[in-house]
């Protein structure tokens, strides 16, 4: 009992809701960077190890990655305030930032974002179609599942007199929705790995293609 009291007291003392929110924010910002870097190593056939890929990366570049992730997230949010489409375009534009920071250990987060914008100039459409080639079918399945979940409930609210007849329909509808949620989850888990590998390969091909080209573009020339 004393041990449980100490654990509970320590949890409430050091891990209140604000601290947990901050920790969650930090993790949500940095983890995608490490995921991207890991898949980049996979496509380069580099040997993976926990000590090298996590411990050393956090020690040498953790703060730098956090700044890069934080800046890109802030910029995307600010653009999304204007409208969702500009925010999504900027997300495509900044998508190469983790790989750039991995390949250039001295580059700052803001410079990596600018370099990513330069790399993705004229190539955002390719990444857009690459994304939806993996997630279009899961997205459609999710939309249908949500419809099967909420449409019967709305119908029940609007037509309460059909309660007896509706009870069987809602069971079938929710059963179909649960099945579609399961299919969506399986496809999402299956495709998320393949998509991350595809993006890492996209970066490798784009880097080779740009290194063999002498063409330059203006900083503000945002072609899709």
Protein backbone atom coordinates (compact mmCIF):
# COMPACT_ATOMS: atom_id res chain seq x y z
CA UNK A 1 0.00 0.00 0.00
CA UNK A 2 2.84 2.39 0.83
CA UNK A 3 4.47 1.72 -2.55
CA UNK A 4 1.17 2.33 -4.37
CA UNK A 5 0.71 5.57 -2.41
CA UNK A 6 4.21 6.76 -3.37
CA UNK A 7 3.64 5.90 -7.05
CA UNK A 8 0.25 7.64 -7.07
CA UNK A 9 1.63 10.69 -5.26
CA UNK A 10 4.60 10.94 -7.61
CA UNK A 11 2.33 10.62 -10.63
CA UNK A 12 0.06 13.42 -9.43
CA UNK A 13 3.03 15.56 -8.43
CA UNK A 14 5.10 15.30 -11.60
CA UNK A 15 2.65 14.23 -14.29
CA UNK A 16 -0.40 16.45 -14.06
CA UNK A 17 -2.52 17.05 -17.14
CA UNK A 18 -0.48 20.04 -18.33
CA UNK A 19 2.79 18.16 -18.20
CA UNK A 20 1.22 15.20 -19.98
CA UNK A 21 -0.09 17.52 -22.68
CA UNK A 22 3.38 19.01 -23.14
CA UNK A 23 5.01 15.57 -23.29
CA UNK A 24 2.39 14.38 -25.79
CA UNK A 25 3.01 17.46 -27.94
CA UNK A 26 6.77 16.91 -27.92
CA UNK A 27 6.38 13.26 -28.85
CA UNK A 28 3.87 13.98 -31.62
CA UNK A 29 6.26 16.52 -33.14
CA UNK A 30 9.47 14.50 -33.03
CA UNK A 31 8.25 10.94 -33.68
CA UNK A 32 7.30 11.56 -37.36
CA UNK A 33 10.84 12.82 -37.95
CA UNK A 34 12.37 9.65 -36.54
CA UNK A 35 9.89 7.51 -38.49
CA UNK A 36 10.85 9.24 -41.74
CA UNK A 37 14.56 8.89 -40.97
CA UNK A 38 14.13 5.20 -40.18
CA UNK A 39 12.40 4.51 -43.49
CA UNK A 40 15.11 6.47 -45.30
CA UNK A 41 17.66 4.11 -43.78
CA UNK A 42 15.52 1.15 -44.85
CA UNK A 43 15.47 2.17 -48.52
CA UNK A 44 19.22 2.77 -48.32
CA UNK A 45 19.69 -0.75 -46.94
CA UNK A 46 21.44 0.61 -43.85
CA UNK A 47 21.66 -1.52 -40.75
CA UNK A 48 19.09 -0.57 -38.11
CA UNK A 49 19.68 -0.66 -34.38
CA UNK A 50 17.88 0.91 -31.45
CA UNK A 51 21.04 2.48 -30.02
CA UNK A 52 22.10 4.05 -33.30
CA UNK A 53 18.68 5.00 -34.64
CA UNK A 54 17.10 6.33 -31.46
CA UNK A 55 19.62 6.99 -28.70
CA UNK A 56 22.33 8.58 -30.82
CA UNK A 57 19.86 10.48 -32.99
CA UNK A 58 18.18 11.95 -29.92
CA UNK A 59 21.51 12.83 -28.35
CA UNK A 60 23.02 14.48 -31.43
CA UNK A 61 20.01 15.88 -33.28
CA UNK A 62 16.95 15.60 -31.04
CA UNK A 63 16.68 19.34 -30.34
CA UNK A 64 17.38 20.19 -33.97
CA UNK A 65 14.68 17.76 -35.15
CA UNK A 66 12.23 19.16 -32.62
CA UNK A 67 12.82 22.71 -33.84
CA UNK A 68 12.38 21.64 -37.46
CA UNK A 69 9.20 19.71 -36.67
CA UNK A 70 7.84 22.53 -34.52
CA UNK A 71 8.49 25.23 -37.11
CA UNK A 72 6.97 23.24 -39.96
CA UNK A 73 3.89 22.47 -37.83
CA UNK A 74 3.47 26.13 -36.88
CA UNK A 75 3.77 27.25 -40.51
CA UNK A 76 1.24 24.63 -41.65
CA UNK A 77 -1.22 25.67 -38.93
CA UNK A 78 -0.87 29.34 -39.84
CA UNK A 79 -1.49 28.59 -43.52
CA UNK A 80 -4.43 26.35 -42.58
CA UNK A 81 -6.03 29.26 -40.73
CA UNK A 82 -6.43 30.95 -44.11
CA UNK A 83 -7.99 27.81 -45.60
CA UNK A 84 -7.40 24.07 -45.54
CA UNK A 85 -6.08 23.90 -49.11
CA UNK A 86 -3.11 26.27 -48.56
CA UNK A 87 -2.28 24.38 -45.38
CA UNK A 88 -2.30 21.05 -47.22
CA UNK A 89 -0.15 22.46 -50.02
CA UNK A 90 2.37 23.69 -47.46
CA UNK A 91 2.36 20.28 -45.81
CA UNK A 92 3.39 18.79 -49.15
CA UNK A 93 5.94 21.55 -49.58
CA UNK A 94 7.59 20.90 -46.20
CA UNK A 95 7.41 17.08 -46.43
CA UNK A 96 11.11 16.61 -47.28
CA UNK A 97 12.31 18.45 -44.16
CA UNK A 98 13.11 15.33 -42.04
CA UNK A 99 15.18 13.73 -44.81
CA UNK A 100 17.05 16.97 -45.49
CA UNK A 101 17.91 17.39 -41.82
CA UNK A 102 19.13 13.80 -41.71
CA UNK A 103 21.41 14.25 -44.73
CA UNK A 104 22.68 17.67 -43.58
CA UNK A 105 23.66 17.55 -39.92
CA UNK A 106 24.57 21.24 -39.79
CA UNK A 107 21.40 22.62 -41.37
CA UNK A 108 18.90 24.44 -39.16
CA UNK A 109 15.21 23.66 -39.05
CA UNK A 110 14.17 26.83 -40.88
CA UNK A 111 16.80 26.35 -43.60
CA UNK A 112 15.68 22.74 -44.04
CA UNK A 113 12.10 23.92 -44.51
CA UNK A 114 13.22 26.43 -47.15
CA UNK A 115 15.27 23.75 -48.88
CA UNK A 116 12.28 21.39 -48.82
CA UNK A 117 10.15 24.09 -50.46
CA UNK A 118 12.79 24.43 -53.15
CA UNK A 119 12.97 20.67 -53.71
CA UNK A 120 9.19 20.27 -53.90
CA UNK A 121 8.72 23.19 -56.28
CA UNK A 122 6.85 21.63 -59.20
CA UNK A 123 6.77 18.18 -57.53
CA UNK A 124 3.97 18.55 -54.97
CA UNK A 125 1.45 17.11 -57.42
CA UNK A 126 3.47 13.90 -57.67
CA UNK A 127 3.51 13.48 -53.89
CA UNK A 128 -0.20 14.32 -53.74
CA UNK A 129 -1.09 11.49 -56.13
CA UNK A 130 1.37 9.18 -54.37
CA UNK A 131 -0.45 9.75 -51.08
CA UNK A 132 -3.91 9.11 -52.48
CA UNK A 133 -2.77 6.02 -54.38
CA UNK A 134 -2.29 4.42 -50.95
CA UNK A 135 -5.09 6.04 -48.96
CA UNK A 136 -8.00 6.64 -51.36
CA UNK A 137 -9.62 3.24 -50.83
CA UNK A 138 -9.23 3.33 -47.01
CA UNK A 139 -10.65 6.87 -47.03
CA UNK A 140 -13.71 5.78 -49.02
CA UNK A 141 -14.24 2.83 -46.67
CA UNK A 142 -13.99 5.15 -43.66
CA UNK A 143 -16.56 7.57 -45.13
CA UNK A 144 -19.02 4.73 -45.79
CA UNK A 145 -18.46 3.39 -42.26
CA UNK A 146 -19.16 6.81 -40.76
CA UNK A 147 -22.32 7.10 -42.87
CA UNK A 148 -23.52 3.70 -41.67
CA UNK A 149 -22.84 4.83 -38.11
CA UNK A 150 -24.52 8.24 -38.06
CA UNK A 151 -27.22 8.19 -40.75
CA UNK A 152 -29.42 5.63 -38.92
CA UNK A 153 -29.09 7.60 -35.69
CA UNK A 154 -30.14 10.81 -37.44
CA UNK A 155 -33.06 8.99 -39.05
CA UNK A 156 -34.10 7.66 -35.64
CA UNK A 157 -34.10 11.19 -34.22
CA UNK A 158 -36.12 12.57 -37.13
CA UNK A 159 -38.61 9.65 -37.24
CA UNK A 160 -39.02 8.30 -33.69
CA UNK A 161 -42.36 6.66 -34.59
CA UNK A 162 -40.55 3.99 -36.61
CA UNK A 163 -38.66 2.76 -33.57
CA UNK A 164 -39.66 -0.94 -33.77
CA UNK A 165 -39.01 -1.34 -37.48
CA UNK A 166 -35.88 0.75 -37.22
CA UNK A 167 -34.31 -1.30 -34.44
CA UNK A 168 -33.39 -4.14 -36.82
CA UNK A 169 -32.06 -1.75 -39.45
CA UNK A 170 -29.81 0.02 -36.97
CA UNK A 171 -28.34 -3.30 -35.84
CA UNK A 172 -27.50 -4.26 -39.44
CA UNK A 173 -26.15 -0.78 -40.14
CA UNK A 174 -23.90 -0.65 -37.08
CA UNK A 175 -22.73 -4.21 -37.74
CA UNK A 176 -21.72 -3.24 -41.27
CA UNK A 177 -20.02 -0.12 -39.93
CA UNK A 178 -17.96 -2.15 -37.45
CA UNK A 179 -16.89 -4.50 -40.24
CA UNK A 180 -15.84 -1.55 -42.42
CA UNK A 181 -13.93 0.03 -39.52
CA UNK A 182 -12.01 -3.22 -39.18
CA UNK A 183 -11.24 -3.30 -42.91
CA UNK A 184 -10.14 0.35 -42.78
CA UNK A 185 -7.82 -0.34 -39.84
CA UNK A 186 -6.23 -3.32 -41.58
CA UNK A 187 -5.71 -1.40 -44.83
CA UNK A 188 -4.37 1.64 -42.99
CA UNK A 189 -1.81 -0.39 -41.03
CA UNK A 190 -0.84 -2.21 -44.22
CA UNK A 191 -0.47 0.93 -46.32
CA UNK A 192 1.20 3.25 -43.82
CA UNK A 193 4.45 1.28 -43.98
CA UNK A 194 4.37 1.05 -47.76
CA UNK A 195 3.60 4.74 -48.08
CA UNK A 196 6.50 5.78 -45.84
CA UNK A 197 8.85 3.61 -47.88
CA UNK A 198 7.45 5.18 -51.07
CA UNK A 199 8.02 8.72 -49.74
CA UNK A 200 11.60 7.89 -48.78
CA UNK A 201 12.18 6.53 -52.30
CA UNK A 202 10.50 9.66 -53.67
CA UNK A 203 13.02 11.79 -51.76
CA UNK A 204 15.95 9.73 -53.03
CA UNK A 205 14.82 10.00 -56.66
CA UNK A 206 14.03 13.69 -56.31
CA UNK A 207 17.44 14.40 -54.78
CA UNK A 208 19.22 12.57 -57.62
CA UNK A 209 17.12 14.31 -60.22
CA UNK A 210 17.79 17.77 -58.76
CA UNK A 211 21.51 17.12 -58.32
CA UNK A 212 21.78 16.30 -62.03
CA UNK A 213 19.92 19.45 -63.00
CA UNK A 214 21.38 22.94 -62.98
CA UNK A 215 18.01 24.68 -63.08
CA UNK A 216 17.13 27.02 -60.22
CA UNK A 217 13.88 28.63 -59.24
CA UNK A 218 12.87 31.75 -57.35
CA UNK A 219 12.27 31.35 -53.60
CA UNK A 220 8.67 32.46 -53.96
CA UNK A 221 7.91 30.54 -57.14
CA UNK A 222 5.46 28.09 -55.60
CA UNK A 223 4.51 25.78 -58.44
CA UNK A 224 2.31 22.84 -57.58
